Amino acid sequence: MVRIILNRVYAVRDHWSLSASGTFHEGVHLVNGDVGSGKSTLALMMAGLLPLPGGSIEKEEITSSMLSLQFPELHVTGLSVAEECTSWGVTPDEILAAIGLSGKKDISPLSLSRGELKRLHLACVLAKDYDLLLLDEPFSSLDCEEKVKLCARIGQKSQGITIIFTHEQEILPRVTRIWEIVDNTLVDCGTPPDAFQHWRHVPPVIGKLTALGSRPDNISLDDLREASCRIQG
């Protein structure tokens, strides 16, 4: 069974600190929190790219991992869009056709708009399976349509651990477990829908639906629509 265990992990910088404990099992996890709360720092530590000032991280049966950073240009290594796809070990024509960039395969990736580059990066990342996939603010630079498509792709993942670190509140995929960073501490809110009562940053629409007696089963748009239809019915 794949899992990653945070044992009293601690980070500190100037007047800021973060503490995190918990076990992430197979499935899709949401780590929510305000901007500057420490989501990216936690992602980097879980990826092994930042030293741990305190605590430890155990990885069980995790043989492959990937960290997707918020800013896609930090991942660029190819001189052309096609070369960038190849550098990820994926077929350019297939990837570019899927994201509507077939006509731009010969230009520099850095000539793409931020949204296009983000789509390219995420398509390459999600084309492969990893035991541990860490997505830091994957929804940034994407419009609503692309966010919905991303949620669908994440929802198709059937193995491994996927952890989404984001402050996004409106368009999200179905998740296995919800976590949030509150008062410099990682909090395990639990599994939906029971997690909603412990989630301090619960999206307003979920709060409104719950108040109307139609609590969604999960956090995806399909779950929200289904809860809304129950009210209308």
C-alpha atoms as a PDB file:
ATOM      1  CA  MET A   1       0.000   0.000   0.000  1.00  0.00           C
ATOM      2  CA  VAL A   2       1.443   3.356  -1.024  1.00  0.00           C
ATOM      3  CA  ARG A   3       1.405   6.064   1.585  1.00  0.00           C
ATOM      4  CA  ILE A   4       3.374   9.068   2.768  1.00  0.00           C
ATOM      5  CA  ILE A   5       3.591   9.804   6.479  1.00  0.00           C
ATOM      6  CA  LEU A   6       4.415  13.200   7.985  1.00  0.00           C
ATOM      7  CA  ASN A   7       5.876  12.820  11.459  1.00  0.00           C
ATOM      8  CA  ARG A   8       5.814  16.170  13.245  1.00  0.00           C
ATOM      9  CA  VAL A   9       7.304  17.940  10.242  1.00  0.00           C
ATOM     10  CA  TYR A  10       8.306  21.470  11.099  1.00  0.00           C
ATOM     11  CA  ALA A  11       9.478  24.457   9.067  1.00  0.00           C
ATOM     12  CA  VAL A  12      10.343  27.979  10.204  1.00  0.00           C
ATOM     13  CA  ARG A  13      11.318  31.162   8.419  1.00  0.00           C
ATOM     14  CA  ASP A  14      11.611  34.590  10.057  1.00  0.00           C
ATOM     15  CA  HIS A  15       8.241  35.102  11.817  1.00  0.00           C
ATOM     16  CA  TRP A  16       6.502  32.261   9.968  1.00  0.00           C
ATOM     17  CA  SER A  17       6.286  28.572  10.833  1.00  0.00           C
ATOM     18  CA  LEU A  18       4.489  25.424   9.720  1.00  0.00           C
ATOM     19  CA  SER A  19       3.867  22.128  11.469  1.00  0.00           C
ATOM     20  CA  ALA A  20       2.409  19.054   9.786  1.00  0.00           C
ATOM     21  CA  SER A  21       1.518  15.531  10.840  1.00  0.00           C
ATOM     22  CA  GLY A  22      -0.654  12.996   9.073  1.00  0.00           C
ATOM     23  CA  THR A  23      -0.809  10.063   6.680  1.00  0.00           C
ATOM     24  CA  PHE A  24      -1.749  10.342   3.019  1.00  0.00           C
ATOM     25  CA  HIS A  25      -3.086   7.098   1.536  1.00  0.00           C
ATOM     26  CA  GLU A  26      -3.900   6.247  -2.066  1.00  0.00           C
ATOM     27  CA  GLY A  27      -6.418   8.631  -3.619  1.00  0.00           C
ATOM     28  CA  VAL A  28      -6.846  12.335  -4.387  1.00  0.00           C
ATOM     29  CA  HIS A  29      -6.174  14.717  -1.507  1.00  0.00           C
ATOM     30  CA  LEU A  30      -6.922  18.437  -1.291  1.00  0.00           C
ATOM     31  CA  VAL A  31      -4.627  20.637   0.825  1.00  0.00           C
ATOM     32  CA  ASN A  32      -6.379  23.988   1.086  1.00  0.00           C
ATOM     33  CA  GLY A  33      -5.220  27.216   2.695  1.00  0.00           C
ATOM     34  CA  ASP A  34      -4.735  30.932   2.277  1.00  0.00           C
ATOM     35  CA  VAL A  35      -2.017  32.419   0.086  1.00  0.00           C
ATOM     36  CA  GLY A  36       1.209  32.360   2.091  1.00  0.00           C
ATOM     37  CA  SER A  37      -0.004  29.683   4.503  1.00  0.00           C
ATOM     38  CA  GLY A  38       2.764  27.252   3.533  1.00  0.00           C
ATOM     39  CA  LYS A  39       1.200  25.018   0.871  1.00  0.00           C
ATOM     40  CA  SER A  40       4.136  25.317  -1.538  1.00  0.00           C
ATOM     41  CA  THR A  41       6.657  24.834   1.255  1.00  0.00           C
ATOM     42  CA  LEU A  42       4.882  21.662   2.336  1.00  0.00           C
ATOM     43  CA  ALA A  43       4.794  20.382  -1.253  1.00  0.00           C
ATOM     44  CA  LEU A  44       8.533  20.982  -1.653  1.00  0.00           C
ATOM     45  CA  MET A  45       9.275  19.180   1.609  1.00  0.00           C
ATOM     46  CA  MET A  46       7.102  16.218   0.633  1.00  0.00           C
ATOM     47  CA  ALA A  47       8.935  16.072  -2.686  1.00  0.00           C
ATOM     48  CA  GLY A  48      12.264  15.995  -0.846  1.00  0.00           C
ATOM     49  CA  LEU A  49      13.423  19.291  -2.359  1.00  0.00           C
ATOM     50  CA  LEU A  50      13.588  21.223   0.908  1.00  0.00           C
ATOM     51  CA  PRO A  51      15.452  20.097   4.022  1.00  0.00           C
ATOM     52  CA  LEU A  52      13.367  19.403   7.107  1.00  0.00           C
ATOM     53  CA  PRO A  53      14.256  21.612  10.080  1.00  0.00           C
ATOM     54  CA  GLY A  54      12.289  19.179  12.227  1.00  0.00           C
ATOM     55  CA  GLY A  55      10.391  15.912  12.026  1.00  0.00           C
ATOM     56  CA  SER A  56      10.552  13.289   9.305  1.00  0.00           C
ATOM     57  CA  ILE A  57       8.720  12.084   6.196  1.00  0.00           C
ATOM     58  CA  GLU A  58       8.292   8.380   5.485  1.00  0.00           C
ATOM     59  CA  LYS A  59       7.388   7.090   2.033  1.00  0.00           C
ATOM     60  CA  GLU A  60       6.090   3.534   1.773  1.00  0.00           C
ATOM     61  CA  GLU A  61       6.076   1.727  -1.584  1.00  0.00           C
ATOM     62  CA  ILE A  62       6.553   5.036  -3.418  1.00  0.00           C
ATOM     63  CA  THR A  63       9.006   4.396  -6.251  1.00  0.00           C
ATOM     64  CA  SER A  64       8.059   7.270  -8.557  1.00  0.00           C
ATOM     65  CA  SER A  65       7.070  10.825  -7.711  1.00  0.00           C
ATOM     66  CA  MET A  66       6.498  14.150  -9.452  1.00  0.00           C
ATOM     67  CA  LEU A  67       6.140  17.721  -8.244  1.00  0.00           C
ATOM     68  CA  SER A  68       4.339  20.184 -10.517  1.00  0.00           C
ATOM     69  CA  LEU A  69       5.251  23.730  -9.504  1.00  0.00           C
ATOM     70  CA  GLN A  70       2.835  26.648  -9.744  1.00  0.00           C
ATOM     71  CA  PHE A  71       4.860  28.480 -12.398  1.00  0.00           C
ATOM     72  CA  PRO A  72       5.208  26.235 -15.476  1.00  0.00           C
ATOM     73  CA  GLU A  73       8.217  28.070 -16.898  1.00  0.00           C
ATOM     74  CA  LEU A  74      10.301  26.638 -14.064  1.00  0.00           C
ATOM     75  CA  HIS A  75       9.939  23.200 -15.672  1.00  0.00           C
ATOM     76  CA  VAL A  76      10.883  24.172 -19.241  1.00  0.00           C
ATOM     77  CA  THR A  77      13.934  22.421 -20.724  1.00  0.00           C
ATOM     78  CA  GLY A  78      13.035  22.077 -24.437  1.00  0.00           C
ATOM     79  CA  LEU A  79      13.874  24.651 -27.111  1.00  0.00           C
ATOM     80  CA  SER A  80      10.562  24.031 -28.860  1.00  0.00           C
ATOM     81  CA  VAL A  81       7.111  22.959 -27.730  1.00  0.00           C
ATOM     82  CA  ALA A  82       7.656  19.574 -29.399  1.00  0.00           C
ATOM     83  CA  GLU A  83      11.011  19.146 -27.665  1.00  0.00           C
ATOM     84  CA  GLU A  84       9.389  20.040 -24.351  1.00  0.00           C
ATOM     85  CA  CYS A  85       6.889  17.213 -24.802  1.00  0.00           C
ATOM     86  CA  THR A  86       9.673  14.805 -25.725  1.00  0.00           C
ATOM     87  CA  SER A  87      11.625  15.796 -22.613  1.00  0.00           C
ATOM     88  CA  TRP A  88       8.712  14.481 -20.553  1.00  0.00           C
ATOM     89  CA  GLY A  89       8.748  11.192 -22.440  1.00  0.00           C
ATOM     90  CA  VAL A  90       5.431  11.786 -24.197  1.00  0.00           C
ATOM     91  CA  THR A  91       4.457  11.946 -27.878  1.00  0.00           C
ATOM     92  CA  PRO A  92       4.206  15.590 -29.022  1.00  0.00           C
ATOM     93  CA  ASP A  93       1.503  15.142 -31.671  1.00  0.00           C
ATOM     94  CA  GLU A  94      -0.825  13.321 -29.283  1.00  0.00           C
ATOM     95  CA  ILE A  95      -0.365  15.760 -26.398  1.00  0.00           C
ATOM     96  CA  LEU A  96      -0.590  18.918 -28.512  1.00  0.00           C
ATOM     97  CA  ALA A  97      -3.713  17.750 -30.339  1.00  0.00           C
ATOM     98  CA  ALA A  98      -5.410  17.102 -27.010  1.00  0.00           C
ATOM     99  CA  ILE A  99      -4.768  20.643 -25.744  1.00  0.00           C
ATOM    100  CA  GLY A 100      -5.225  22.545 -29.012  1.00  0.00           C
ATOM    101  CA  LEU A 101      -1.590  23.513 -29.583  1.00  0.00           C
ATOM    102  CA  SER A 102      -0.762  21.422 -32.664  1.00  0.00           C
ATOM    103  CA  GLY A 103       0.080  24.512 -34.690  1.00  0.00           C
ATOM    104  CA  LYS A 104       2.655  25.717 -32.182  1.00  0.00           C
ATOM    105  CA  LYS A 105       4.940  22.702 -31.844  1.00  0.00           C
ATOM    106  CA  ASP A 106       7.942  24.432 -33.441  1.00  0.00           C
ATOM    107  CA  ILE A 107       7.948  27.615 -31.347  1.00  0.00           C
ATOM    108  CA  SER A 108       9.660  28.136 -28.023  1.00  0.00           C
ATOM    109  CA  PRO A 109       7.612  27.067 -25.004  1.00  0.00           C
ATOM    110  CA  LEU A 110       8.399  30.448 -23.473  1.00  0.00           C
ATOM    111  CA  SER A 111       6.618  32.109 -26.418  1.00  0.00           C
ATOM    112  CA  LEU A 112       3.332  30.564 -25.312  1.00  0.00           C
ATOM    113  CA  SER A 113       0.939  32.487 -23.112  1.00  0.00           C
ATOM    114  CA  ARG A 114       1.072  31.600 -19.424  1.00  0.00           C
ATOM    115  CA  GLY A 115      -2.224  29.700 -19.761  1.00  0.00           C
ATOM    116  CA  GLU A 116      -1.025  27.749 -22.799  1.00  0.00           C
ATOM    117  CA  LEU A 117       2.245  26.864 -21.089  1.00  0.00           C
ATOM    118  CA  LYS A 118       0.363  25.713 -18.008  1.00  0.00           C
ATOM    119  CA  ARG A 119      -1.873  23.494 -20.155  1.00  0.00           C
ATOM    120  CA  LEU A 120       1.170  22.043 -21.907  1.00  0.00           C
ATOM    121  CA  HIS A 121       2.962  21.356 -18.641  1.00  0.00           C
ATOM    122  CA  LEU A 122      -0.032  19.722 -16.951  1.00  0.00           C
ATOM    123  CA  ALA A 123      -0.814  17.604 -20.013  1.00  0.00           C
ATOM    124  CA  CYS A 124       2.735  16.237 -19.973  1.00  0.00           C
ATOM    125  CA  VAL A 125       2.646  15.608 -16.221  1.00  0.00           C
ATOM    126  CA  LEU A 126      -0.747  13.877 -16.252  1.00  0.00           C
ATOM    127  CA  ALA A 127       0.160  11.704 -19.241  1.00  0.00           C
ATOM    128  CA  LYS A 128       2.115   9.447 -16.909  1.00  0.00           C
ATOM    129  CA  ASP A 129       1.311   7.622 -13.685  1.00  0.00           C
ATOM    130  CA  TYR A 130       3.250   8.279 -10.478  1.00  0.00           C
ATOM    131  CA  ASP A 131       3.027   6.701  -7.054  1.00  0.00           C
ATOM    132  CA  LEU A 132       3.102  10.243  -5.651  1.00  0.00           C
ATOM    133  CA  LEU A 133       1.934  13.272  -7.633  1.00  0.00           C
ATOM    134  CA  LEU A 134       2.171  16.689  -5.979  1.00  0.00           C
ATOM    135  CA  LEU A 135       0.318  19.505  -7.760  1.00  0.00           C
ATOM    136  CA  ASP A 136       1.112  22.981  -6.433  1.00  0.00           C
ATOM    137  CA  GLU A 137      -1.621  25.450  -7.486  1.00  0.00           C
ATOM    138  CA  PRO A 138      -2.475  23.512 -10.664  1.00  0.00           C
ATOM    139  CA  PHE A 139      -5.466  25.774 -11.396  1.00  0.00           C
ATOM    140  CA  SER A 140      -3.472  29.007 -11.589  1.00  0.00           C
ATOM    141  CA  SER A 141      -3.383  30.666 -15.046  1.00  0.00           C
ATOM    142  CA  LEU A 142      -6.247  28.467 -16.297  1.00  0.00           C
ATOM    143  CA  ASP A 143      -9.663  29.781 -17.316  1.00  0.00           C
ATOM    144  CA  CYS A 144     -12.848  28.117 -16.062  1.00  0.00           C
ATOM    145  CA  GLU A 145     -13.143  25.771 -19.036  1.00  0.00           C
ATOM    146  CA  GLU A 146      -9.578  24.533 -18.606  1.00  0.00           C
ATOM    147  CA  LYS A 147     -10.073  24.125 -14.854  1.00  0.00           C
ATOM    148  CA  VAL A 148     -13.043  21.861 -15.538  1.00  0.00           C
ATOM    149  CA  LYS A 149     -10.979  19.793 -17.991  1.00  0.00           C
ATOM    150  CA  LEU A 150      -8.160  19.510 -15.462  1.00  0.00           C
ATOM    151  CA  CYS A 151     -10.581  18.280 -12.805  1.00  0.00           C
ATOM    152  CA  ALA A 152     -11.812  15.613 -15.218  1.00  0.00           C
ATOM    153  CA  ARG A 153      -8.256  14.427 -15.903  1.00  0.00           C
ATOM    154  CA  ILE A 154      -7.444  14.287 -12.205  1.00  0.00           C
ATOM    155  CA  GLY A 155     -10.661  12.377 -11.620  1.00  0.00           C
ATOM    156  CA  GLN A 156      -9.543   9.715 -14.079  1.00  0.00           C
ATOM    157  CA  LYS A 157      -6.523   8.797 -11.966  1.00  0.00           C
ATOM    158  CA  SER A 158      -7.063   5.349 -10.493  1.00  0.00           C
ATOM    159  CA  GLN A 159      -3.818   4.673  -8.658  1.00  0.00           C
ATOM    160  CA  GLY A 160      -1.208   6.321  -6.478  1.00  0.00           C
ATOM    161  CA  ILE A 161      -1.430   9.391  -4.266  1.00  0.00           C
ATOM    162  CA  THR A 162      -2.359  12.739  -5.798  1.00  0.00           C
ATOM    163  CA  ILE A 163      -2.120  15.800  -3.553  1.00  0.00           C
ATOM    164  CA  ILE A 164      -3.500  19.137  -4.756  1.00  0.00           C
ATOM    165  CA  PHE A 165      -2.160  22.203  -2.924  1.00  0.00           C
ATOM    166  CA  THR A 166      -4.411  25.147  -3.736  1.00  0.00           C
ATOM    167  CA  HIS A 167      -6.461  28.082  -2.515  1.00  0.00           C
ATOM    168  CA  GLU A 168      -8.960  27.482  -5.350  1.00  0.00           C
ATOM    169  CA  GLN A 169     -12.532  27.527  -4.007  1.00  0.00           C
ATOM    170  CA  GLU A 170     -14.827  27.265  -7.002  1.00  0.00           C
ATOM    171  CA  ILE A 171     -13.784  24.527  -9.452  1.00  0.00           C
ATOM    172  CA  LEU A 172     -12.345  21.396  -7.855  1.00  0.00           C
ATOM    173  CA  PRO A 173     -12.291  17.634  -8.566  1.00  0.00           C
ATOM    174  CA  ARG A 174     -13.804  14.905  -6.441  1.00  0.00           C
ATOM    175  CA  VAL A 175     -11.361  14.132  -3.648  1.00  0.00           C
ATOM    176  CA  THR A 176     -10.739  11.313  -1.216  1.00  0.00           C
ATOM    177  CA  ARG A 177      -9.715  13.502   1.714  1.00  0.00           C
ATOM    178  CA  ILE A 178      -9.566  17.193   2.626  1.00  0.00           C
ATOM    179  CA  TRP A 179      -6.773  18.888   4.533  1.00  0.00           C
ATOM    180  CA  GLU A 180      -6.167  22.561   5.261  1.00  0.00           C
ATOM    181  CA  ILE A 181      -3.503  24.747   6.767  1.00  0.00           C
ATOM    182  CA  VAL A 182      -4.904  26.809   9.621  1.00  0.00           C
ATOM    183  CA  ASP A 183      -2.893  28.854  12.130  1.00  0.00           C
ATOM    184  CA  ASN A 184       0.392  27.448  10.752  1.00  0.00           C
ATOM    185  CA  THR A 185      -0.755  23.860  11.228  1.00  0.00           C
ATOM    186  CA  LEU A 186      -1.854  21.166   8.769  1.00  0.00           C
ATOM    187  CA  VAL A 187      -5.322  19.952   9.793  1.00  0.00           C
ATOM    188  CA  ASP A 188      -6.921  16.701   8.636  1.00  0.00           C
ATOM    189  CA  CYS A 189     -10.580  17.592   8.004  1.00  0.00           C
ATOM    190  CA  GLY A 190     -11.493  14.032   7.007  1.00  0.00           C
ATOM    191  CA  THR A 191     -13.425  12.588   4.081  1.00  0.00           C
ATOM    192  CA  PRO A 192     -16.291  14.325   2.277  1.00  0.00           C
ATOM    193  CA  PRO A 193     -19.008  15.101   3.079  1.00  0.00           C
ATOM    194  CA  ASP A 194     -18.342  14.862   6.824  1.00  0.00           C
ATOM    195  CA  ALA A 195     -15.149  16.892   6.305  1.00  0.00           C
ATOM    196  CA  PHE A 196     -17.208  19.980   5.466  1.00  0.00           C
ATOM    197  CA  GLN A 197     -18.112  20.622   9.095  1.00  0.00           C
ATOM    198  CA  HIS A 198     -14.429  20.739  10.048  1.00  0.00           C
ATOM    199  CA  TRP A 199     -13.188  22.663   6.978  1.00  0.00           C
ATOM    200  CA  ARG A 200     -12.702  26.278   7.973  1.00  0.00           C
ATOM    201  CA  HIS A 201     -12.193  27.327   4.327  1.00  0.00           C
ATOM    202  CA  VAL A 202     -15.218  25.393   3.053  1.00  0.00           C
ATOM    203  CA  PRO A 203     -16.398  27.011  -0.218  1.00  0.00           C
ATOM    204  CA  PRO A 204     -19.385  29.341   0.340  1.00  0.00           C
ATOM    205  CA  VAL A 205     -21.578  27.409  -2.110  1.00  0.00           C
ATOM    206  CA  ILE A 206     -21.162  24.235  -0.042  1.00  0.00           C
ATOM    207  CA  GLY A 207     -22.091  26.163   3.089  1.00  0.00           C
ATOM    208  CA  LYS A 208     -25.218  27.557   1.407  1.00  0.00           C
ATOM    209  CA  LEU A 209     -26.322  24.186   0.062  1.00  0.00           C
ATOM    210  CA  THR A 210     -25.769  22.575   3.449  1.00  0.00           C
ATOM    211  CA  ALA A 211     -27.807  25.304   5.145  1.00  0.00           C
ATOM    212  CA  LEU A 212     -30.635  24.568   2.705  1.00  0.00           C
ATOM    213  CA  GLY A 213     -30.581  20.910   3.710  1.00  0.00           C
ATOM    214  CA  SER A 214     -28.828  19.566   0.619  1.00  0.00           C
ATOM    215  CA  ARG A 215     -25.222  18.918   1.548  1.00  0.00           C
ATOM    216  CA  PRO A 216     -23.151  17.818  -1.477  1.00  0.00           C
ATOM    217  CA  ASP A 217     -21.504  14.404  -1.344  1.00  0.00           C
ATOM    218  CA  ASN A 218     -18.186  15.828  -2.537  1.00  0.00           C
ATOM    219  CA  ILE A 219     -16.652  19.047  -3.878  1.00  0.00           C
ATOM    220  CA  SER A 220     -16.765  18.636  -7.667  1.00  0.00           C
ATOM    221  CA  LEU A 221     -19.074  20.681  -9.889  1.00  0.00           C
ATOM    222  CA  ASP A 222     -21.121  17.545 -10.576  1.00  0.00           C
ATOM    223  CA  ASP A 223     -21.625  17.068  -6.840  1.00  0.00           C
ATOM    224  CA  LEU A 224     -22.664  20.707  -6.422  1.00  0.00           C
ATOM    225  CA  ARG A 225     -25.110  20.477  -9.340  1.00  0.00           C
ATOM    226  CA  GLU A 226     -26.627  17.289  -7.970  1.00  0.00           C
ATOM    227  CA  ALA A 227     -27.121  18.932  -4.558  1.00  0.00           C
ATOM    228  CA  SER A 228     -28.686  21.979  -6.227  1.00  0.00           C
ATOM    229  CA  CYS A 229     -31.087  19.782  -8.203  1.00  0.00           C
ATOM    230  CA  ARG A 230     -32.269  18.140  -4.987  1.00  0.00           C
ATOM    231  CA  ILE A 231     -33.345  21.578  -3.736  1.00  0.00           C
ATOM    232  CA  GLN A 232     -35.108  22.458  -6.979  1.00  0.00           C
ATOM    233  CA  GLY A 233     -36.841  19.106  -6.988  1.00  0.00           C
END
